[in-house]
PDB file of all heavy atoms in Angstrom:
ATOM      1  N   THR A   1      -8.813 -10.919 -13.616  1.00  0.00           N
ATOM      2  CA  THR A   1      -8.951 -11.529 -14.933  1.00  0.00           C
ATOM      3  C   THR A   1      -9.618 -12.893 -14.805  1.00  0.00           C
ATOM      4  O   THR A   1      -9.253 -13.674 -13.924  1.00  0.00           O
ATOM      5  CB  THR A   1      -7.576 -11.690 -15.599  1.00  0.00           C
ATOM      6  OG1 THR A   1      -6.900 -10.435 -15.595  1.00  0.00           O
ATOM      7  CG2 THR A   1      -7.726 -12.169 -17.038  1.00  0.00           C
ATOM      8  N   ILE A   2     -10.617 -13.146 -15.662  1.00  0.00           N
ATOM      9  CA  ILE A   2     -11.335 -14.408 -15.594  1.00  0.00           C
ATOM     10  C   ILE A   2     -11.534 -14.970 -16.987  1.00  0.00           C
ATOM     11  O   ILE A   2     -11.408 -14.275 -17.982  1.00  0.00           O
ATOM     12  CB  ILE A   2     -12.703 -14.238 -14.885  1.00  0.00           C
ATOM     13  CG1 ILE A   2     -13.512 -13.074 -15.495  1.00  0.00           C
ATOM     14  CG2 ILE A   2     -12.522 -13.986 -13.411  1.00  0.00           C
ATOM     15  CD1 ILE A   2     -14.361 -13.436 -16.685  1.00  0.00           C
ATOM     16  N   THR A   3     -11.834 -16.272 -17.038  1.00  0.00           N
ATOM     17  CA  THR A   3     -12.193 -16.901 -18.308  1.00  0.00           C
ATOM     18  C   THR A   3     -13.646 -17.336 -18.305  1.00  0.00           C
ATOM     19  O   THR A   3     -14.240 -17.524 -19.355  1.00  0.00           O
ATOM     20  CB  THR A   3     -11.296 -18.112 -18.585  1.00  0.00           C
ATOM     21  OG1 THR A   3     -11.374 -19.025 -17.478  1.00  0.00           O
ATOM     22  CG2 THR A   3      -9.841 -17.678 -18.781  1.00  0.00           C
ATOM     23  N   ASN A   4     -14.220 -17.505 -17.127  1.00  0.00           N
ATOM     24  CA  ASN A   4     -15.621 -17.897 -16.977  1.00  0.00           C
ATOM     25  C   ASN A   4     -16.419 -16.657 -16.591  1.00  0.00           C
ATOM     26  O   ASN A   4     -16.209 -16.089 -15.516  1.00  0.00           O
ATOM     27  CB  ASN A   4     -15.739 -18.965 -15.891  1.00  0.00           C
ATOM     28  CG  ASN A   4     -17.173 -19.403 -15.655  1.00  0.00           C
ATOM     29  OD1 ASN A   4     -18.128 -18.808 -16.151  1.00  0.00           O
ATOM     30  ND2 ASN A   4     -17.334 -20.465 -14.893  1.00  0.00           N
ATOM     31  N   ILE A   5     -17.311 -16.221 -17.443  1.00  0.00           N
ATOM     32  CA  ILE A   5     -17.998 -14.955 -17.206  1.00  0.00           C
ATOM     33  C   ILE A   5     -18.946 -15.020 -16.020  1.00  0.00           C
ATOM     34  O   ILE A   5     -19.396 -13.984 -15.535  1.00  0.00           O
ATOM     35  CB  ILE A   5     -18.771 -14.492 -18.456  1.00  0.00           C
ATOM     36  CG1 ILE A   5     -19.882 -15.474 -18.818  1.00  0.00           C
ATOM     37  CG2 ILE A   5     -17.820 -14.266 -19.621  1.00  0.00           C
ATOM     38  CD1 ILE A   5     -20.804 -14.959 -19.905  1.00  0.00           C
ATOM     39  N   TYR A   6     -19.260 -16.237 -15.547  1.00  0.00           N
ATOM     40  CA  TYR A   6     -20.159 -16.392 -14.407  1.00  0.00           C
ATOM     41  C   TYR A   6     -19.397 -16.556 -13.088  1.00  0.00           C
ATOM     42  O   TYR A   6     -20.011 -16.643 -12.034  1.00  0.00           O
ATOM     43  CB  TYR A   6     -21.069 -17.600 -14.615  1.00  0.00           C
ATOM     44  CG  TYR A   6     -21.891 -17.498 -15.870  1.00  0.00           C
ATOM     45  CD1 TYR A   6     -21.602 -18.293 -16.988  1.00  0.00           C
ATOM     46  CD2 TYR A   6     -22.935 -16.587 -15.965  1.00  0.00           C
ATOM     47  CE1 TYR A   6     -22.333 -18.171 -18.153  1.00  0.00           C
ATOM     48  CE2 TYR A   6     -23.687 -16.471 -17.129  1.00  0.00           C
ATOM     49  CZ  TYR A   6     -23.371 -17.262 -18.216  1.00  0.00           C
ATOM     50  OH  TYR A   6     -24.101 -17.144 -19.376  1.00  0.00           O
ATOM     51  N   PHE A   7     -18.102 -16.589 -13.162  1.00  0.00           N
ATOM     52  CA  PHE A   7     -17.276 -16.795 -11.975  1.00  0.00           C
ATOM     53  C   PHE A   7     -17.269 -15.553 -11.092  1.00  0.00           C
ATOM     54  O   PHE A   7     -16.995 -14.443 -11.558  1.00  0.00           O
ATOM     55  CB  PHE A   7     -15.850 -17.143 -12.388  1.00  0.00           C
ATOM     56  CG  PHE A   7     -14.877 -17.203 -11.233  1.00  0.00           C
ATOM     57  CD1 PHE A   7     -14.864 -18.299 -10.383  1.00  0.00           C
ATOM     58  CD2 PHE A   7     -13.969 -16.178 -11.008  1.00  0.00           C
ATOM     59  CE1 PHE A   7     -13.967 -18.361  -9.323  1.00  0.00           C
ATOM     60  CE2 PHE A   7     -13.078 -16.216  -9.970  1.00  0.00           C
ATOM     61  CZ  PHE A   7     -13.070 -17.321  -9.116  1.00  0.00           C
ATOM     62  N   VAL A   8     -17.575 -15.755  -9.808  1.00  0.00           N
ATOM     63  CA  VAL A   8     -17.443 -14.663  -8.838  1.00  0.00           C
ATOM     64  C   VAL A   8     -16.348 -15.065  -7.870  1.00  0.00           C
ATOM     65  O   VAL A   8     -16.395 -16.147  -7.290  1.00  0.00           O
ATOM     66  CB  VAL A   8     -18.763 -14.360  -8.111  1.00  0.00           C
ATOM     67  CG1 VAL A   8     -19.332 -15.563  -7.388  1.00  0.00           C
ATOM     68  CG2 VAL A   8     -18.587 -13.211  -7.111  1.00  0.00           C
ATOM     69  N   PRO A   9     -15.343 -14.245  -7.705  1.00  0.00           N
ATOM     70  CA  PRO A   9     -14.215 -14.607  -6.844  1.00  0.00           C
ATOM     71  C   PRO A   9     -14.660 -14.838  -5.405  1.00  0.00           C
ATOM     72  O   PRO A   9     -15.449 -14.054  -4.859  1.00  0.00           O
ATOM     73  CB  PRO A   9     -13.286 -13.403  -6.954  1.00  0.00           C
ATOM     74  CG  PRO A   9     -13.664 -12.748  -8.248  1.00  0.00           C
ATOM     75  CD  PRO A   9     -15.135 -12.956  -8.365  1.00  0.00           C
ATOM     76  N   PRO A  10     -14.156 -15.883  -4.763  1.00  0.00           N
ATOM     77  CA  PRO A  10     -14.443 -16.052  -3.336  1.00  0.00           C
ATOM     78  C   PRO A  10     -13.744 -14.989  -2.508  1.00  0.00           C
ATOM     79  O   PRO A  10     -12.937 -14.213  -3.015  1.00  0.00           O
ATOM     80  CB  PRO A  10     -13.877 -17.454  -3.042  1.00  0.00           C
ATOM     81  CG  PRO A  10     -12.883 -17.708  -4.115  1.00  0.00           C
ATOM     82  CD  PRO A  10     -13.366 -16.979  -5.315  1.00  0.00           C
ATOM     83  N   THR A  11     -14.056 -14.968  -1.257  1.00  0.00           N
ATOM     84  CA  THR A  11     -13.648 -13.884  -0.371  1.00  0.00           C
ATOM     85  C   THR A  11     -12.142 -13.625  -0.400  1.00  0.00           C
ATOM     86  O   THR A  11     -11.707 -12.468  -0.462  1.00  0.00           O
ATOM     87  CB  THR A  11     -14.092 -14.197   1.056  1.00  0.00           C
ATOM     88  OG1 THR A  11     -15.508 -14.350   1.071  1.00  0.00           O
ATOM     89  CG2 THR A  11     -13.686 -13.088   2.006  1.00  0.00           C
ATOM     90  N   ARG A  12     -11.339 -14.664  -0.361  1.00  0.00           N
ATOM     91  CA  ARG A  12      -9.887 -14.506  -0.232  1.00  0.00           C
ATOM     92  C   ARG A  12      -9.147 -14.624  -1.557  1.00  0.00           C
ATOM     93  O   ARG A  12      -7.923 -14.771  -1.574  1.00  0.00           O
ATOM     94  CB  ARG A  12      -9.336 -15.520   0.767  1.00  0.00           C
ATOM     95  CG  ARG A  12      -9.890 -15.347   2.166  1.00  0.00           C
ATOM     96  CD  ARG A  12      -9.212 -16.261   3.156  1.00  0.00           C
ATOM     97  NE  ARG A  12      -9.777 -16.118   4.488  1.00  0.00           N
ATOM     98  CZ  ARG A  12      -9.422 -15.184   5.348  1.00  0.00           C
ATOM     99  NH1 ARG A  12      -8.469 -14.323   5.024  1.00  0.00           N
ATOM    100  NH2 ARG A  12      -9.971 -15.105   6.530  1.00  0.00           N
ATOM    101  N   ALA A  13      -9.864 -14.545  -2.657  1.00  0.00           N
ATOM    102  CA  ALA A  13      -9.222 -14.670  -3.965  1.00  0.00           C
ATOM    103  C   ALA A  13      -8.349 -13.458  -4.259  1.00  0.00           C
ATOM    104  O   ALA A  13      -8.679 -12.333  -3.879  1.00  0.00           O
ATOM    105  CB  ALA A  13     -10.291 -14.810  -5.051  1.00  0.00           C
ATOM    106  N   PRO A  14      -7.224 -13.660  -4.915  1.00  0.00           N
ATOM    107  CA  PRO A  14      -6.378 -12.525  -5.296  1.00  0.00           C
ATOM    108  C   PRO A  14      -6.974 -11.769  -6.487  1.00  0.00           C
ATOM    109  O   PRO A  14      -7.715 -12.341  -7.281  1.00  0.00           O
ATOM    110  CB  PRO A  14      -5.056 -13.197  -5.682  1.00  0.00           C
ATOM    111  CG  PRO A  14      -5.471 -14.554  -6.158  1.00  0.00           C
ATOM    112  CD  PRO A  14      -6.648 -14.949  -5.319  1.00  0.00           C
ATOM    113  N   TYR A  15      -6.624 -10.506  -6.580  1.00  0.00           N
ATOM    114  CA  TYR A  15      -7.048  -9.667  -7.686  1.00  0.00           C
ATOM    115  C   TYR A  15      -5.813  -9.121  -8.405  1.00  0.00           C
ATOM    116  O   TYR A  15      -4.744  -9.018  -7.830  1.00  0.00           O
ATOM    117  CB  TYR A  15      -7.920  -8.517  -7.181  1.00  0.00           C
ATOM    118  CG  TYR A  15      -9.333  -8.949  -6.850  1.00  0.00           C
ATOM    119  CD1 TYR A  15      -9.598  -9.688  -5.696  1.00  0.00           C
ATOM    120  CD2 TYR A  15     -10.395  -8.628  -7.701  1.00  0.00           C
ATOM    121  CE1 TYR A  15     -10.884 -10.095  -5.402  1.00  0.00           C
ATOM    122  CE2 TYR A  15     -11.685  -9.029  -7.398  1.00  0.00           C
ATOM    123  CZ  TYR A  15     -11.922  -9.760  -6.256  1.00  0.00           C
ATOM    124  OH  TYR A  15     -13.198 -10.173  -5.962  1.00  0.00           O
ATOM    125  N   ASP A  16      -6.005  -8.777  -9.668  1.00  0.00           N
ATOM    126  CA  ASP A  16      -4.882  -8.366 -10.506  1.00  0.00           C
ATOM    127  C   ASP A  16      -4.631  -6.861 -10.479  1.00  0.00           C
ATOM    128  O   ASP A  16      -3.494  -6.415 -10.603  1.00  0.00           O
ATOM    129  CB  ASP A  16      -5.126  -8.811 -11.948  1.00  0.00           C
ATOM    130  CG  ASP A  16      -5.298 -10.310 -12.066  1.00  0.00           C
ATOM    131  OD1 ASP A  16      -4.404 -11.040 -11.593  1.00  0.00           O
ATOM    132  OD2 ASP A  16      -6.331 -10.759 -12.615  1.00  0.00           O
ATOM    133  N   TYR A  17      -5.688  -6.079 -10.368  1.00  0.00           N
ATOM    134  CA  TYR A  17      -5.557  -4.621 -10.450  1.00  0.00           C
ATOM    135  C   TYR A  17      -6.379  -3.975  -9.337  1.00  0.00           C
ATOM    136  O   TYR A  17      -7.451  -4.456  -8.975  1.00  0.00           O
ATOM    137  CB  TYR A  17      -6.039  -4.119 -11.815  1.00  0.00           C
ATOM    138  CG  TYR A  17      -5.354  -4.786 -12.976  1.00  0.00           C
ATOM    139  CD1 TYR A  17      -6.005  -5.760 -13.726  1.00  0.00           C
ATOM    140  CD2 TYR A  17      -4.045  -4.444 -13.330  1.00  0.00           C
ATOM    141  CE1 TYR A  17      -5.376  -6.381 -14.790  1.00  0.00           C
ATOM    142  CE2 TYR A  17      -3.411  -5.068 -14.398  1.00  0.00           C
ATOM    143  CZ  TYR A  17      -4.076  -6.037 -15.107  1.00  0.00           C
ATOM    144  OH  TYR A  17      -3.445  -6.651 -16.158  1.00  0.00           O
ATOM    145  N   TRP A  18      -5.871  -2.836  -8.885  1.00  0.00           N
ATOM    146  CA  TRP A  18      -6.501  -2.122  -7.770  1.00  0.00           C
ATOM    147  C   TRP A  18      -6.594  -0.630  -8.074  1.00  0.00           C
ATOM    148  O   TRP A  18      -5.742  -0.064  -8.759  1.00  0.00           O
ATOM    149  CB  TRP A  18      -5.672  -2.299  -6.500  1.00  0.00           C
ATOM    150  CG  TRP A  18      -5.677  -3.705  -5.999  1.00  0.00           C
ATOM    151  CD1 TRP A  18      -4.881  -4.732  -6.425  1.00  0.00           C
ATOM    152  CD2 TRP A  18      -6.537  -4.250  -4.997  1.00  0.00           C
ATOM    153  NE1 TRP A  18      -5.185  -5.885  -5.744  1.00  0.00           N
ATOM    154  CE2 TRP A  18      -6.197  -5.621  -4.852  1.00  0.00           C
ATOM    155  CE3 TRP A  18      -7.552  -3.719  -4.201  1.00  0.00           C
ATOM    156  CZ2 TRP A  18      -6.849  -6.446  -3.962  1.00  0.00           C
ATOM    157  CZ3 TRP A  18      -8.191  -4.548  -3.313  1.00  0.00           C
ATOM    158  CH2 TRP A  18      -7.840  -5.901  -3.191  1.00  0.00           C
ATOM    159  N   GLY A  19      -7.646  -0.013  -7.519  1.00  0.00           N
ATOM    160  CA  GLY A  19      -7.759   1.432  -7.587  1.00  0.00           C
ATOM    161  C   GLY A  19      -7.040   2.091  -6.416  1.00  0.00           C
ATOM    162  O   GLY A  19      -6.481   1.407  -5.551  1.00  0.00           O
ATOM    163  N   GLN A  20      -7.087   3.409  -6.398  1.00  0.00           N
ATOM    164  CA  GLN A  20      -6.408   4.180  -5.351  1.00  0.00           C
ATOM    165  C   GLN A  20      -7.267   4.355  -4.100  1.00  0.00           C
ATOM    166  O   GLN A  20      -6.754   4.739  -3.049  1.00  0.00           O
ATOM    167  CB  GLN A  20      -6.006   5.548  -5.902  1.00  0.00           C
ATOM    168  CG  GLN A  20      -4.937   5.460  -6.974  1.00  0.00           C
ATOM    169  CD  GLN A  20      -3.655   4.860  -6.466  1.00  0.00           C
ATOM    170  OE1 GLN A  20      -3.110   5.278  -5.450  1.00  0.00           O
ATOM    171  NE2 GLN A  20      -3.167   3.826  -7.154  1.00  0.00           N
ATOM    172  N   GLY A  21      -8.546   4.117  -4.217  1.00  0.00           N
ATOM    173  CA  GLY A  21      -9.423   4.195  -3.061  1.00  0.00           C
ATOM    174  C   GLY A  21     -10.187   5.493  -2.966  1.00  0.00           C
ATOM    175  O   GLY A  21      -9.770   6.536  -3.483  1.00  0.00           O
ATOM    176  N   THR A  22     -11.326   5.423  -2.275  1.00  0.00           N
ATOM    177  CA  THR A  22     -12.142   6.601  -1.999  1.00  0.00           C
ATOM    178  C   THR A  22     -12.595   6.518  -0.551  1.00  0.00           C
ATOM    179  O   THR A  22     -12.983   5.461  -0.060  1.00  0.00           O
ATOM    180  CB  THR A  22     -13.338   6.693  -2.974  1.00  0.00           C
ATOM    181  OG1 THR A  22     -14.042   7.909  -2.748  1.00  0.00           O
ATOM    182  CG2 THR A  22     -14.303   5.527  -2.821  1.00  0.00           C
ATOM    183  N   GLN A  23     -12.538   7.647   0.142  1.00  0.00           N
ATOM    184  CA  GLN A  23     -12.834   7.673   1.574  1.00  0.00           C
ATOM    185  C   GLN A  23     -14.338   7.723   1.811  1.00  0.00           C
ATOM    186  O   GLN A  23     -15.052   8.538   1.207  1.00  0.00           O
ATOM    187  CB  GLN A  23     -12.179   8.879   2.226  1.00  0.00           C
ATOM    188  CG  GLN A  23     -12.497   9.051   3.712  1.00  0.00           C
ATOM    189  CD  GLN A  23     -11.832   7.988   4.570  1.00  0.00           C
ATOM    190  OE1 GLN A  23     -10.646   7.714   4.429  1.00  0.00           O
ATOM    191  NE2 GLN A  23     -12.598   7.397   5.480  1.00  0.00           N
ATOM    192  N   VAL A  24     -14.802   6.855   2.697  1.00  0.00           N
ATOM    193  CA  VAL A  24     -16.183   6.874   3.165  1.00  0.00           C
ATOM    194  C   VAL A  24     -16.147   7.081   4.673  1.00  0.00           C
ATOM    195  O   VAL A  24     -15.506   6.311   5.395  1.00  0.00           O
ATOM    196  CB  VAL A  24     -16.919   5.569   2.818  1.00  0.00           C
ATOM    197  CG1 VAL A  24     -18.283   5.522   3.503  1.00  0.00           C
ATOM    198  CG2 VAL A  24     -17.077   5.431   1.309  1.00  0.00           C
TER     199      VAL A  24
END
């Protein structure tokens, strides 16, 4: 979740939601 539409999270930033994953 962000308030600044130009903000890109840095490498170690936490995220709010995650998917289940896909195998590559």
